[in-house]
Amino acid sequence: MASPIQIEITANFEANLESVRCFCHDMGKSDQYEKLLDELFGNIIPNLQEFPRMGADFCSLPAGSVEVRRAQEKLRGRLQENMSIRQYQSREYVILYLLKETTVSLLAIKHQRQLAYDMRKWD
């Protein structure tokens, strides 16, 4: 039997959740944030525990620019052999997580209409 997958919620992920809450509030759709939390804890996290590789390999996604390609290469160089950054796409949200052996660390979450990730905060 495979080892159970542990889920870690990073400080950056928590800060992103607050940003998403404010974003939903500013759009006049505060109920969307509650739906996100229900989806996150009711479906997404349990799915990641059962299928930790279900997200796409973030460093292998097509780069839309030279800058993105270089950032992916730099990030790939920082990862150990048994680690990968993965991207999970839900209906309106994109989640980045680090998979390392039997641990999934939730790194970032954004509404699709929000700006890009700040990878400097993942250290």
PDB file of N, CA and C in Angstrom:
ATOM      1  N   MET A   1       0.847  -1.189   0.000  1.00  0.00           N
ATOM      2  CA  MET A   1       0.000   0.000   0.000  1.00  0.00           C
ATOM      3  C   MET A   1       0.886   1.244   0.000  1.00  0.00           C
ATOM      4  N   ALA A   2       0.547   2.208  -0.798  1.00  0.00           N
ATOM      5  CA  ALA A   2       1.323   3.446  -0.905  1.00  0.00           C
ATOM      6  C   ALA A   2       1.201   4.274   0.374  1.00  0.00           C
ATOM      7  N   SER A   3       2.257   5.035   0.634  1.00  0.00           N
ATOM      8  CA  SER A   3       2.236   5.923   1.799  1.00  0.00           C
ATOM      9  C   SER A   3       1.173   6.991   1.617  1.00  0.00           C
ATOM     10  N   PRO A   4       0.488   7.362   2.698  1.00  0.00           N
ATOM     11  CA  PRO A   4      -0.514   8.431   2.571  1.00  0.00           C
ATOM     12  C   PRO A   4       0.156   9.767   2.263  1.00  0.00           C
ATOM     13  N   ILE A   5      -0.491  10.539   1.448  1.00  0.00           N
ATOM     14  CA  ILE A   5       0.018  11.854   1.059  1.00  0.00           C
ATOM     15  C   ILE A   5      -0.385  12.875   2.114  1.00  0.00           C
ATOM     16  N   GLN A   6       0.592  13.616   2.598  1.00  0.00           N
ATOM     17  CA  GLN A   6       0.353  14.698   3.547  1.00  0.00           C
ATOM     18  C   GLN A   6       0.171  15.996   2.765  1.00  0.00           C
ATOM     19  N   ILE A   7      -0.739  16.829   3.196  1.00  0.00           N
ATOM     20  CA  ILE A   7      -0.979  18.125   2.564  1.00  0.00           C
ATOM     21  C   ILE A   7      -0.493  19.218   3.500  1.00  0.00           C
ATOM     22  N   GLU A   8       0.347  20.104   2.971  1.00  0.00           N
ATOM     23  CA  GLU A   8       0.816  21.271   3.721  1.00  0.00           C
ATOM     24  C   GLU A   8       0.282  22.527   3.044  1.00  0.00           C
ATOM     25  N   ILE A   9      -0.213  23.449   3.832  1.00  0.00           N
ATOM     26  CA  ILE A   9      -0.667  24.739   3.311  1.00  0.00           C
ATOM     27  C   ILE A   9       0.377  25.772   3.710  1.00  0.00           C
ATOM     28  N   THR A  10       1.037  26.355   2.717  1.00  0.00           N
ATOM     29  CA  THR A  10       2.108  27.314   2.993  1.00  0.00           C
ATOM     30  C   THR A  10       1.530  28.681   3.347  1.00  0.00           C
ATOM     31  N   ALA A  11       2.367  29.504   3.959  1.00  0.00           N
ATOM     32  CA  ALA A  11       1.954  30.875   4.307  1.00  0.00           C
ATOM     33  C   ALA A  11       1.580  31.652   3.056  1.00  0.00           C
ATOM     34  N   ASN A  12       2.309  31.432   1.961  1.00  0.00           N
ATOM     35  CA  ASN A  12       1.991  32.132   0.717  1.00  0.00           C
ATOM     36  C   ASN A  12       0.614  31.718   0.202  1.00  0.00           C
ATOM     37  N   PHE A  13       0.277  30.440   0.314  1.00  0.00           N
ATOM     38  CA  PHE A  13      -1.037  29.966  -0.116  1.00  0.00           C
ATOM     39  C   PHE A  13      -2.132  30.629   0.711  1.00  0.00           C
ATOM     40  N   GLU A  14      -1.920  30.716   2.017  1.00  0.00           N
ATOM     41  CA  GLU A  14      -2.894  31.390   2.883  1.00  0.00           C
ATOM     42  C   GLU A  14      -3.054  32.856   2.493  1.00  0.00           C
ATOM     43  N   ALA A  15      -1.938  33.523   2.187  1.00  0.00           N
ATOM     44  CA  ALA A  15      -2.001  34.928   1.753  1.00  0.00           C
ATOM     45  C   ALA A  15      -2.742  35.043   0.426  1.00  0.00           C
ATOM     46  N   ASN A  16      -2.516  34.084  -0.475  1.00  0.00           N
ATOM     47  CA  ASN A  16      -3.228  34.082  -1.752  1.00  0.00           C
ATOM     48  C   ASN A  16      -4.725  33.884  -1.556  1.00  0.00           C
ATOM     49  N   LEU A  17      -5.106  33.036  -0.593  1.00  0.00           N
ATOM     50  CA  LEU A  17      -6.534  32.851  -0.306  1.00  0.00           C
ATOM     51  C   LEU A  17      -7.172  34.166   0.125  1.00  0.00           C
ATOM     52  N   GLU A  18      -6.463  34.917   0.948  1.00  0.00           N
ATOM     53  CA  GLU A  18      -6.975  36.225   1.375  1.00  0.00           C
ATOM     54  C   GLU A  18      -7.096  37.161   0.180  1.00  0.00           C
ATOM     55  N   SER A  19      -6.125  37.116  -0.709  1.00  0.00           N
ATOM     56  CA  SER A  19      -6.166  37.937  -1.921  1.00  0.00           C
ATOM     57  C   SER A  19      -7.359  37.547  -2.801  1.00  0.00           C
ATOM     58  N   VAL A  20      -7.606  36.249  -2.916  1.00  0.00           N
ATOM     59  CA  VAL A  20      -8.758  35.770  -3.687  1.00  0.00           C
ATOM     60  C   VAL A  20     -10.054  36.236  -3.030  1.00  0.00           C
ATOM     61  N   ARG A  21     -10.112  36.177  -1.690  1.00  0.00           N
ATOM     62  CA  ARG A  21     -11.309  36.642  -0.974  1.00  0.00           C
ATOM     63  C   ARG A  21     -11.584  38.105  -1.298  1.00  0.00           C
ATOM     64  N   CYS A  22     -10.547  38.933  -1.245  1.00  0.00           N
ATOM     65  CA  CYS A  22     -10.695  40.363  -1.563  1.00  0.00           C
ATOM     66  C   CYS A  22     -11.091  40.556  -3.020  1.00  0.00           C
ATOM     67  N   PHE A  23     -10.487  39.782  -3.906  1.00  0.00           N
ATOM     68  CA  PHE A  23     -10.793  39.865  -5.329  1.00  0.00           C
ATOM     69  C   PHE A  23     -12.267  39.542  -5.574  1.00  0.00           C
ATOM     70  N   CYS A  24     -12.755  38.470  -4.960  1.00  0.00           N
ATOM     71  CA  CYS A  24     -14.168  38.091  -5.115  1.00  0.00           C
ATOM     72  C   CYS A  24     -15.081  39.168  -4.544  1.00  0.00           C
ATOM     73  N   HIS A  25     -14.707  39.706  -3.393  1.00  0.00           N
ATOM     74  CA  HIS A  25     -15.494  40.773  -2.771  1.00  0.00           C
ATOM     75  C   HIS A  25     -15.555  41.987  -3.689  1.00  0.00           C
ATOM     76  N   ASP A  26     -14.411  42.383  -4.247  1.00  0.00           N
ATOM     77  CA  ASP A  26     -14.360  43.548  -5.134  1.00  0.00           C
ATOM     78  C   ASP A  26     -15.181  43.338  -6.404  1.00  0.00           C
ATOM     79  N   MET A  27     -15.321  42.083  -6.833  1.00  0.00           N
ATOM     80  CA  MET A  27     -16.136  41.774  -8.011  1.00  0.00           C
ATOM     81  C   MET A  27     -17.615  41.684  -7.652  1.00  0.00           C
ATOM     82  N   GLY A  28     -17.926  41.805  -6.344  1.00  0.00           N
ATOM     83  CA  GLY A  28     -19.313  41.693  -5.905  1.00  0.00           C
ATOM     84  C   GLY A  28     -19.803  40.261  -5.852  1.00  0.00           C
ATOM     85  N   LYS A  29     -18.857  39.312  -5.711  1.00  0.00           N
ATOM     86  CA  LYS A  29     -19.215  37.893  -5.699  1.00  0.00           C
ATOM     87  C   LYS A  29     -18.582  37.194  -4.502  1.00  0.00           C
ATOM     88  N   SER A  30     -18.878  37.701  -3.316  1.00  0.00           N
ATOM     89  CA  SER A  30     -18.294  37.133  -2.094  1.00  0.00           C
ATOM     90  C   SER A  30     -18.657  35.663  -1.905  1.00  0.00           C
ATOM     91  N   ASP A  31     -19.819  35.257  -2.413  1.00  0.00           N
ATOM     92  CA  ASP A  31     -20.222  33.859  -2.284  1.00  0.00           C
ATOM     93  C   ASP A  31     -19.289  32.926  -3.049  1.00  0.00           C
ATOM     94  N   GLN A  32     -18.591  33.455  -4.067  1.00  0.00           N
ATOM     95  CA  GLN A  32     -17.640  32.628  -4.817  1.00  0.00           C
ATOM     96  C   GLN A  32     -16.498  32.161  -3.929  1.00  0.00           C
ATOM     97  N   TYR A  33     -16.101  32.989  -2.988  1.00  0.00           N
ATOM     98  CA  TYR A  33     -15.015  32.606  -2.084  1.00  0.00           C
ATOM     99  C   TYR A  33     -15.443  31.426  -1.216  1.00  0.00           C
ATOM    100  N   GLU A  34     -16.661  31.471  -0.704  1.00  0.00           N
ATOM    101  CA  GLU A  34     -17.167  30.351   0.103  1.00  0.00           C
ATOM    102  C   GLU A  34     -17.242  29.078  -0.734  1.00  0.00           C
ATOM    103  N   LYS A  35     -17.658  29.217  -1.988  1.00  0.00           N
ATOM    104  CA  LYS A  35     -17.703  28.060  -2.886  1.00  0.00           C
ATOM    105  C   LYS A  35     -16.299  27.519  -3.132  1.00  0.00           C
ATOM    106  N   LEU A  36     -15.324  28.424  -3.265  1.00  0.00           N
ATOM    107  CA  LEU A  36     -13.934  27.999  -3.440  1.00  0.00           C
ATOM    108  C   LEU A  36     -13.471  27.177  -2.240  1.00  0.00           C
ATOM    109  N   LEU A  37     -13.719  27.665  -1.032  1.00  0.00           N
ATOM    110  CA  LEU A  37     -13.300  26.927   0.163  1.00  0.00           C
ATOM    111  C   LEU A  37     -13.954  25.550   0.224  1.00  0.00           C
ATOM    112  N   ASP A  38     -15.244  25.488  -0.110  1.00  0.00           N
ATOM    113  CA  ASP A  38     -15.936  24.198  -0.145  1.00  0.00           C
ATOM    114  C   ASP A  38     -15.276  23.262  -1.151  1.00  0.00           C
ATOM    115  N   GLU A  39     -14.981  23.779  -2.340  1.00  0.00           N
ATOM    116  CA  GLU A  39     -14.340  22.980  -3.393  1.00  0.00           C
ATOM    117  C   GLU A  39     -12.927  22.568  -2.984  1.00  0.00           C
ATOM    118  N   LEU A  40     -12.188  23.492  -2.399  1.00  0.00           N
ATOM    119  CA  LEU A  40     -10.808  23.235  -1.999  1.00  0.00           C
ATOM    120  C   LEU A  40     -10.724  22.108  -0.966  1.00  0.00           C
ATOM    121  N   PHE A  41     -11.501  22.236   0.107  1.00  0.00           N
ATOM    122  CA  PHE A  41     -11.407  21.259   1.189  1.00  0.00           C
ATOM    123  C   PHE A  41     -12.287  20.028   0.974  1.00  0.00           C
ATOM    124  N   GLY A  42     -13.321  20.164   0.132  1.00  0.00           N
ATOM    125  CA  GLY A  42     -14.206  19.031  -0.119  1.00  0.00           C
ATOM    126  C   GLY A  42     -13.797  18.158  -1.280  1.00  0.00           C
ATOM    127  N   ASN A  43     -13.096  18.735  -2.271  1.00  0.00           N
ATOM    128  CA  ASN A  43     -12.748  17.973  -3.474  1.00  0.00           C
ATOM    129  C   ASN A  43     -11.265  18.035  -3.834  1.00  0.00           C
ATOM    130  N   ILE A  44     -10.725  19.245  -3.956  1.00  0.00           N
ATOM    131  CA  ILE A  44      -9.368  19.396  -4.486  1.00  0.00           C
ATOM    132  C   ILE A  44      -8.334  18.732  -3.580  1.00  0.00           C
ATOM    133  N   ILE A  45      -8.330  19.064  -2.301  1.00  0.00           N
ATOM    134  CA  ILE A  45      -7.336  18.477  -1.392  1.00  0.00           C
ATOM    135  C   ILE A  45      -7.498  16.955  -1.294  1.00  0.00           C
ATOM    136  N   PRO A  46      -8.713  16.422  -1.131  1.00  0.00           N
ATOM    137  CA  PRO A  46      -8.834  14.957  -1.138  1.00  0.00           C
ATOM    138  C   PRO A  46      -8.350  14.325  -2.449  1.00  0.00           C
ATOM    139  N   ASN A  47      -8.616  14.982  -3.578  1.00  0.00           N
ATOM    140  CA  ASN A  47      -8.135  14.460  -4.859  1.00  0.00           C
ATOM    141  C   ASN A  47      -6.615  14.465  -4.925  1.00  0.00           C
ATOM    142  N   LEU A  48      -5.988  15.536  -4.428  1.00  0.00           N
ATOM    143  CA  LEU A  48      -4.521  15.599  -4.416  1.00  0.00           C
ATOM    144  C   LEU A  48      -3.932  14.523  -3.505  1.00  0.00           C
ATOM    145  N   GLN A  49      -4.613  14.200  -2.426  1.00  0.00           N
ATOM    146  CA  GLN A  49      -4.131  13.134  -1.545  1.00  0.00           C
ATOM    147  C   GLN A  49      -4.169  11.780  -2.250  1.00  0.00           C
ATOM    148  N   GLU A  50      -5.164  11.584  -3.077  1.00  0.00           N
ATOM    149  CA  GLU A  50      -5.290  10.306  -3.775  1.00  0.00           C
ATOM    150  C   GLU A  50      -4.505  10.277  -5.081  1.00  0.00           C
ATOM    151  N   PHE A  51      -4.454  11.406  -5.777  1.00  0.00           N
ATOM    152  CA  PHE A  51      -3.787  11.485  -7.078  1.00  0.00           C
ATOM    153  C   PHE A  51      -2.835  12.683  -7.103  1.00  0.00           C
ATOM    154  N   PRO A  52      -1.723  12.623  -6.392  1.00  0.00           N
ATOM    155  CA  PRO A  52      -0.853  13.803  -6.258  1.00  0.00           C
ATOM    156  C   PRO A  52      -0.224  14.287  -7.566  1.00  0.00           C
ATOM    157  N   ARG A  53      -0.175  13.438  -8.578  1.00  0.00           N
ATOM    158  CA  ARG A  53       0.411  13.842  -9.864  1.00  0.00           C
ATOM    159  C   ARG A  53      -0.647  14.299 -10.874  1.00  0.00           C
ATOM    160  N   MET A  54      -1.857  14.555 -10.404  1.00  0.00           N
ATOM    161  CA  MET A  54      -2.926  14.904 -11.343  1.00  0.00           C
ATOM    162  C   MET A  54      -2.722  16.263 -11.997  1.00  0.00           C
ATOM    163  N   GLY A  55      -1.990  17.155 -11.374  1.00  0.00           N
ATOM    164  CA  GLY A  55      -1.710  18.455 -11.973  1.00  0.00           C
ATOM    165  C   GLY A  55      -0.620  18.347 -13.026  1.00  0.00           C
ATOM    166  N   ALA A  56      -0.630  19.273 -13.961  1.00  0.00           N
ATOM    167  CA  ALA A  56       0.394  19.298 -15.012  1.00  0.00           C
ATOM    168  C   ALA A  56       1.739  19.716 -14.430  1.00  0.00           C
ATOM    169  N   ASP A  57       2.825  19.189 -14.990  1.00  0.00           N
ATOM    170  CA  ASP A  57       4.172  19.581 -14.575  1.00  0.00           C
ATOM    171  C   ASP A  57       4.395  21.029 -15.007  1.00  0.00           C
ATOM    172  N   PHE A  58       4.450  21.929 -14.044  1.00  0.00           N
ATOM    173  CA  PHE A  58       4.530  23.368 -14.305  1.00  0.00           C
ATOM    174  C   PHE A  58       5.757  23.739 -15.129  1.00  0.00           C
ATOM    175  N   CYS A  59       6.881  23.094 -14.866  1.00  0.00           N
ATOM    176  CA  CYS A  59       8.120  23.436 -15.570  1.00  0.00           C
ATOM    177  C   CYS A  59       8.141  22.911 -17.001  1.00  0.00           C
ATOM    178  N   SER A  60       7.211  22.033 -17.344  1.00  0.00           N
ATOM    179  CA  SER A  60       7.141  21.491 -18.698  1.00  0.00           C
ATOM    180  C   SER A  60       6.046  22.130 -19.544  1.00  0.00           C
ATOM    181  N   LEU A  61       5.283  23.032 -18.953  1.00  0.00           N
ATOM    182  CA  LEU A  61       4.226  23.700 -19.714  1.00  0.00           C
ATOM    183  C   LEU A  61       4.846  24.588 -20.785  1.00  0.00           C
ATOM    184  N   PRO A  62       4.178  24.772 -21.910  1.00  0.00           N
ATOM    185  CA  PRO A  62       4.714  25.647 -22.952  1.00  0.00           C
ATOM    186  C   PRO A  62       4.918  27.066 -22.424  1.00  0.00           C
ATOM    187  N   ALA A  63       6.084  27.605 -22.712  1.00  0.00           N
ATOM    188  CA  ALA A  63       6.403  28.974 -22.290  1.00  0.00           C
ATOM    189  C   ALA A  63       5.949  29.936 -23.376  1.00  0.00           C
ATOM    190  N   GLY A  64       5.244  30.976 -22.968  1.00  0.00           N
ATOM    191  CA  GLY A  64       4.758  31.962 -23.927  1.00  0.00           C
ATOM    192  C   GLY A  64       5.767  33.047 -24.240  1.00  0.00           C
ATOM    193  N   SER A  65       6.894  33.028 -23.529  1.00  0.00           N
ATOM    194  CA  SER A  65       7.918  34.046 -23.765  1.00  0.00           C
ATOM    195  C   SER A  65       9.270  33.518 -23.304  1.00  0.00           C
ATOM    196  N   VAL A  66      10.309  34.207 -23.714  1.00  0.00           N
ATOM    197  CA  VAL A  66      11.668  33.850 -23.299  1.00  0.00           C
ATOM    198  C   VAL A  66      11.799  33.990 -21.792  1.00  0.00           C
ATOM    199  N   GLU A  67      11.186  35.027 -21.226  1.00  0.00           N
ATOM    200  CA  GLU A  67      11.266  35.259 -19.783  1.00  0.00           C
ATOM    201  C   GLU A  67      10.644  34.106 -18.999  1.00  0.00           C
ATOM    202  N   VAL A  68       9.515  33.627 -19.459  1.00  0.00           N
ATOM    203  CA  VAL A  68       8.854  32.508 -18.785  1.00  0.00           C
ATOM    204  C   VAL A  68       9.707  31.250 -18.906  1.00  0.00           C
ATOM    205  N   ARG A  69      10.261  31.020 -20.081  1.00  0.00           N
ATOM    206  CA  ARG A  69      11.114  29.846 -20.274  1.00  0.00           C
ATOM    207  C   ARG A  69      12.311  29.887 -19.326  1.00  0.00           C
ATOM    208  N   ARG A  70      12.940  31.047 -19.203  1.00  0.00           N
ATOM    209  CA  ARG A  70      14.088  31.183 -18.294  1.00  0.00           C
ATOM    210  C   ARG A  70      13.670  30.979 -16.838  1.00  0.00           C
ATOM    211  N   ALA A  71      12.517  31.505 -16.475  1.00  0.00           N
ATOM    212  CA  ALA A  71      12.024  31.317 -15.102  1.00  0.00           C
ATOM    213  C   ALA A  71      11.751  29.835 -14.830  1.00  0.00           C
ATOM    214  N   GLN A  72      11.190  29.134 -15.814  1.00  0.00           N
ATOM    215  CA  GLN A  72      10.941  27.699 -15.660  1.00  0.00           C
ATOM    216  C   GLN A  72      12.257  26.938 -15.490  1.00  0.00           C
ATOM    217  N   GLU A  73      13.261  27.295 -16.296  1.00  0.00           N
ATOM    218  CA  GLU A  73      14.566  26.635 -16.203  1.00  0.00           C
ATOM    219  C   GLU A  73      15.203  26.884 -14.839  1.00  0.00           C
ATOM    220  N   LYS A  74      15.109  28.110 -14.361  1.00  0.00           N
ATOM    221  CA  LYS A  74      15.670  28.448 -13.052  1.00  0.00           C
ATOM    222  C   LYS A  74      14.959  27.661 -11.953  1.00  0.00           C
ATOM    223  N   LEU A  75      13.651  27.608 -12.031  1.00  0.00           N
ATOM    224  CA  LEU A  75      12.869  26.864 -11.047  1.00  0.00           C
ATOM    225  C   LEU A  75      13.208  25.378 -11.107  1.00  0.00           C
ATOM    226  N   ARG A  76      13.292  24.826 -12.307  1.00  0.00           N
ATOM    227  CA  ARG A  76      13.624  23.415 -12.483  1.00  0.00           C
ATOM    228  C   ARG A  76      14.987  23.105 -11.854  1.00  0.00           C
ATOM    229  N   GLY A  77      15.930  24.033 -11.989  1.00  0.00           N
ATOM    230  CA  GLY A  77      17.258  23.846 -11.421  1.00  0.00           C
ATOM    231  C   GLY A  77      17.274  23.834  -9.903  1.00  0.00           C
ATOM    232  N   ARG A  78      16.284  24.423  -9.286  1.00  0.00           N
ATOM    233  CA  ARG A  78      16.204  24.470  -7.817  1.00  0.00           C
ATOM    234  C   ARG A  78      15.546  23.226  -7.225  1.00  0.00           C
ATOM    235  N   LEU A  79      14.900  22.440  -8.063  1.00  0.00           N
ATOM    236  CA  LEU A  79      14.171  21.271  -7.574  1.00  0.00           C
ATOM    237  C   LEU A  79      15.081  20.060  -7.468  1.00  0.00           C
ATOM    238  N   GLN A  80      14.903  19.293  -6.420  1.00  0.00           N
ATOM    239  CA  GLN A  80      15.614  18.029  -6.284  1.00  0.00           C
ATOM    240  C   GLN A  80      14.981  17.016  -7.228  1.00  0.00           C
ATOM    241  N   GLU A  81      15.664  15.908  -7.427  1.00  0.00           N
ATOM    242  CA  GLU A  81      15.211  14.901  -8.382  1.00  0.00           C
ATOM    243  C   GLU A  81      13.814  14.362  -8.067  1.00  0.00           C
ATOM    244  N   ASN A  82      13.483  14.239  -6.807  1.00  0.00           N
ATOM    245  CA  ASN A  82      12.195  13.658  -6.411  1.00  0.00           C
ATOM    246  C   ASN A  82      11.108  14.712  -6.187  1.00  0.00           C
ATOM    247  N   MET A  83      11.296  15.901  -6.763  1.00  0.00           N
ATOM    248  CA  MET A  83      10.352  17.002  -6.566  1.00  0.00           C
ATOM    249  C   MET A  83       9.817  17.497  -7.905  1.00  0.00           C
ATOM    250  N   SER A  84       8.593  17.990  -7.884  1.00  0.00           N
ATOM    251  CA  SER A  84       8.053  18.670  -9.065  1.00  0.00           C
ATOM    252  C   SER A  84       7.052  19.729  -8.619  1.00  0.00           C
ATOM    253  N   ILE A  85       7.025  20.807  -9.384  1.00  0.00           N
ATOM    254  CA  ILE A  85       5.998  21.834  -9.205  1.00  0.00           C
ATOM    255  C   ILE A  85       4.895  21.482 -10.191  1.00  0.00           C
ATOM    256  N   ARG A  86       3.677  21.422  -9.693  1.00  0.00           N
ATOM    257  CA  ARG A  86       2.566  21.017 -10.542  1.00  0.00           C
ATOM    258  C   ARG A  86       1.475  22.082 -10.512  1.00  0.00           C
ATOM    259  N   GLN A  87       0.716  22.138 -11.586  1.00  0.00           N
ATOM    260  CA  GLN A  87      -0.364  23.118 -11.722  1.00  0.00           C
ATOM    261  C   GLN A  87      -1.687  22.382 -11.860  1.00  0.00           C
ATOM    262  N   TYR A  88      -2.601  22.681 -10.936  1.00  0.00           N
ATOM    263  CA  TYR A  88      -3.938  22.105 -10.969  1.00  0.00           C
ATOM    264  C   TYR A  88      -4.916  23.195 -11.387  1.00  0.00           C
ATOM    265  N   GLN A  89      -5.721  22.900 -12.377  1.00  0.00           N
ATOM    266  CA  GLN A  89      -6.686  23.855 -12.910  1.00  0.00           C
ATOM    267  C   GLN A  89      -8.082  23.434 -12.481  1.00  0.00           C
ATOM    268  N   SER A  90      -8.754  24.279 -11.705  1.00  0.00           N
ATOM    269  CA  SER A  90     -10.157  24.026 -11.397  1.00  0.00           C
ATOM    270  C   SER A  90     -10.989  24.931 -12.303  1.00  0.00           C
ATOM    271  N   ARG A  91     -12.253  25.057 -12.038  1.00  0.00           N
ATOM    272  CA  ARG A  91     -13.113  25.858 -12.923  1.00  0.00           C
ATOM    273  C   ARG A  91     -12.614  27.283 -13.097  1.00  0.00           C
ATOM    274  N   GLU A  92     -12.391  27.992 -12.003  1.00  0.00           N
ATOM    275  CA  GLU A  92     -11.996  29.400 -12.095  1.00  0.00           C
ATOM    276  C   GLU A  92     -10.662  29.692 -11.426  1.00  0.00           C
ATOM    277  N   TYR A  93     -10.024  28.672 -10.882  1.00  0.00           N
ATOM    278  CA  TYR A  93      -8.807  28.886 -10.098  1.00  0.00           C
ATOM    279  C   TYR A  93      -7.679  28.007 -10.601  1.00  0.00           C
ATOM    280  N   VAL A  94      -6.469  28.515 -10.417  1.00  0.00           N
ATOM    281  CA  VAL A  94      -5.265  27.770 -10.745  1.00  0.00           C
ATOM    282  C   VAL A  94      -4.471  27.622  -9.450  1.00  0.00           C
ATOM    283  N   ILE A  95      -4.065  26.402  -9.164  1.00  0.00           N
ATOM    284  CA  ILE A  95      -3.329  26.102  -7.941  1.00  0.00           C
ATOM    285  C   ILE A  95      -1.970  25.532  -8.316  1.00  0.00           C
ATOM    286  N   LEU A  96      -0.921  26.075  -7.711  1.00  0.00           N
ATOM    287  CA  LEU A  96       0.413  25.513  -7.866  1.00  0.00           C
ATOM    288  C   LEU A  96       0.776  24.790  -6.582  1.00  0.00           C
ATOM    289  N   TYR A  97       1.369  23.614  -6.748  1.00  0.00           N
ATOM    290  CA  TYR A  97       1.782  22.858  -5.573  1.00  0.00           C
ATOM    291  C   TYR A  97       3.096  22.138  -5.836  1.00  0.00           C
ATOM    292  N   LEU A  98       3.813  21.896  -4.756  1.00  0.00           N
ATOM    293  CA  LEU A  98       5.075  21.169  -4.801  1.00  0.00           C
ATOM    294  C   LEU A  98       4.805  19.741  -4.365  1.00  0.00           C
ATOM    295  N   LEU A  99       5.195  18.798  -5.199  1.00  0.00           N
ATOM    296  CA  LEU A  99       5.088  17.387  -4.850  1.00  0.00           C
ATOM    297  C   LEU A  99       6.488  16.877  -4.530  1.00  0.00           C
ATOM    298  N   LYS A 100       6.659  16.400  -3.310  1.00  0.00           N
ATOM    299  CA  LYS A 100       7.932  15.832  -2.871  1.00  0.00           C
ATOM    300  C   LYS A 100       7.628  14.547  -2.122  1.00  0.00           C
ATOM    301  N   GLU A 101       7.895  13.432  -2.785  1.00  0.00           N
ATOM    302  CA  GLU A 101       7.657  12.102  -2.234  1.00  0.00           C
ATOM    303  C   GLU A 101       6.220  11.964  -1.752  1.00  0.00           C
ATOM    304  N   THR A 102       5.983  12.000  -0.452  1.00  0.00           N
ATOM    305  CA  THR A 102       4.627  11.793   0.074  1.00  0.00           C
ATOM    306  C   THR A 102       4.026  13.073   0.646  1.00  0.00           C
ATOM    307  N   THR A 103       4.533  14.218   0.182  1.00  0.00           N
ATOM    308  CA  THR A 103       4.020  15.500   0.674  1.00  0.00           C
ATOM    309  C   THR A 103       3.639  16.400  -0.492  1.00  0.00           C
ATOM    310  N   VAL A 104       2.462  16.973  -0.397  1.00  0.00           N
ATOM    311  CA  VAL A 104       2.011  18.013  -1.326  1.00  0.00           C
ATOM    312  C   VAL A 104       1.970  19.313  -0.539  1.00  0.00           C
ATOM    313  N   SER A 105       2.751  20.293  -0.986  1.00  0.00           N
ATOM    314  CA  SER A 105       2.751  21.625  -0.363  1.00  0.00           C
ATOM    315  C   SER A 105       2.024  22.583  -1.293  1.00  0.00           C
ATOM    316  N   LEU A 106       0.910  23.112  -0.836  1.00  0.00           N
ATOM    317  CA  LEU A 106       0.157  24.074  -1.637  1.00  0.00           C
ATOM    318  C   LEU A 106       0.907  25.399  -1.616  1.00  0.00           C
ATOM    319  N   LEU A 107       1.350  25.853  -2.792  1.00  0.00           N
ATOM    320  CA  LEU A 107       2.200  27.039  -2.900  1.00  0.00           C
ATOM    321  C   LEU A 107       1.432  28.308  -3.213  1.00  0.00           C
ATOM    322  N   ALA A 108       0.489  28.217  -4.146  1.00  0.00           N
ATOM    323  CA  ALA A 108      -0.182  29.433  -4.612  1.00  0.00           C
ATOM    324  C   ALA A 108      -1.539  29.083  -5.198  1.00  0.00           C
ATOM    325  N   ILE A 109      -2.446  30.039  -5.106  1.00  0.00           N
ATOM    326  CA  ILE A 109      -3.757  29.917  -5.742  1.00  0.00           C
ATOM    327  C   ILE A 109      -4.136  31.293  -6.260  1.00  0.00           C
ATOM    328  N   LYS A 110      -4.691  31.307  -7.455  1.00  0.00           N
ATOM    329  CA  LYS A 110      -5.130  32.558  -8.075  1.00  0.00           C
ATOM    330  C   LYS A 110      -6.439  32.317  -8.815  1.00  0.00           C
ATOM    331  N   HIS A 111      -7.281  33.321  -8.804  1.00  0.00           N
ATOM    332  CA  HIS A 111      -8.429  33.329  -9.701  1.00  0.00           C
ATOM    333  C   HIS A 111      -7.857  33.554 -11.094  1.00  0.00           C
ATOM    334  N   GLN A 112      -8.449  32.971 -12.106  1.00  0.00           N
ATOM    335  CA  GLN A 112      -7.915  33.098 -13.464  1.00  0.00           C
ATOM    336  C   GLN A 112      -7.809  34.547 -13.929  1.00  0.00           C
ATOM    337  N   ARG A 113      -8.581  35.430 -13.336  1.00  0.00           N
ATOM    338  CA  ARG A 113      -8.536  36.840 -13.747  1.00  0.00           C
ATOM    339  C   ARG A 113      -7.504  37.655 -12.972  1.00  0.00           C
ATOM    340  N   GLN A 114      -6.862  37.041 -11.989  1.00  0.00           N
ATOM    341  CA  GLN A 114      -5.830  37.756 -11.239  1.00  0.00           C
ATOM    342  C   GLN A 114      -4.512  37.725 -12.005  1.00  0.00           C
ATOM    343  N   LEU A 115      -3.561  38.526 -11.546  1.00  0.00           N
ATOM    344  CA  LEU A 115      -2.264  38.611 -12.201  1.00  0.00           C
ATOM    345  C   LEU A 115      -1.436  37.353 -11.957  1.00  0.00           C
ATOM    346  N   ALA A 116      -0.249  37.320 -12.529  1.00  0.00           N
ATOM    347  CA  ALA A 116       0.643  36.165 -12.469  1.00  0.00           C
ATOM    348  C   ALA A 116       1.143  35.879 -11.057  1.00  0.00           C
ATOM    349  N   TYR A 117       1.799  34.742 -10.909  1.00  0.00           N
ATOM    350  CA  TYR A 117       2.390  34.321  -9.638  1.00  0.00           C
ATOM    351  C   TYR A 117       3.670  35.092  -9.360  1.00  0.00           C
ATOM    352  N   ASP A 118       3.970  35.282  -8.095  1.00  0.00           N
ATOM    353  CA  ASP A 118       5.238  35.873  -7.676  1.00  0.00           C
ATOM    354  C   ASP A 118       6.086  34.750  -7.092  1.00  0.00           C
ATOM    355  N   MET A 119       6.941  34.156  -7.924  1.00  0.00           N
ATOM    356  CA  MET A 119       7.737  33.001  -7.518  1.00  0.00           C
ATOM    357  C   MET A 119       8.766  33.341  -6.453  1.00  0.00           C
ATOM    358  N   ARG A 120       9.075  34.612  -6.259  1.00  0.00           N
ATOM    359  CA  ARG A 120      10.060  34.995  -5.247  1.00  0.00           C
ATOM    360  C   ARG A 120       9.569  34.658  -3.847  1.00  0.00           C
ATOM    361  N   LYS A 121       8.271  34.544  -3.660  1.00  0.00           N
ATOM    362  CA  LYS A 121       7.701  34.292  -2.334  1.00  0.00           C
ATOM    363  C   LYS A 121       7.692  32.813  -1.966  1.00  0.00           C
ATOM    364  N   TRP A 122       8.194  31.951  -2.825  1.00  0.00           N
ATOM    365  CA  TRP A 122       8.137  30.516  -2.561  1.00  0.00           C
ATOM    366  C   TRP A 122       9.337  30.018  -1.782  1.00  0.00           C
ATOM    367  N   ASP A 123      10.283  30.869  -1.506  1.00  0.00           N
ATOM    368  CA  ASP A 123      11.492  30.432  -0.776  1.00  0.00           C
ATOM    369  C   ASP A 123      11.178  30.153   0.669  1.00  0.00           C
TER     370      ASP A 123
END
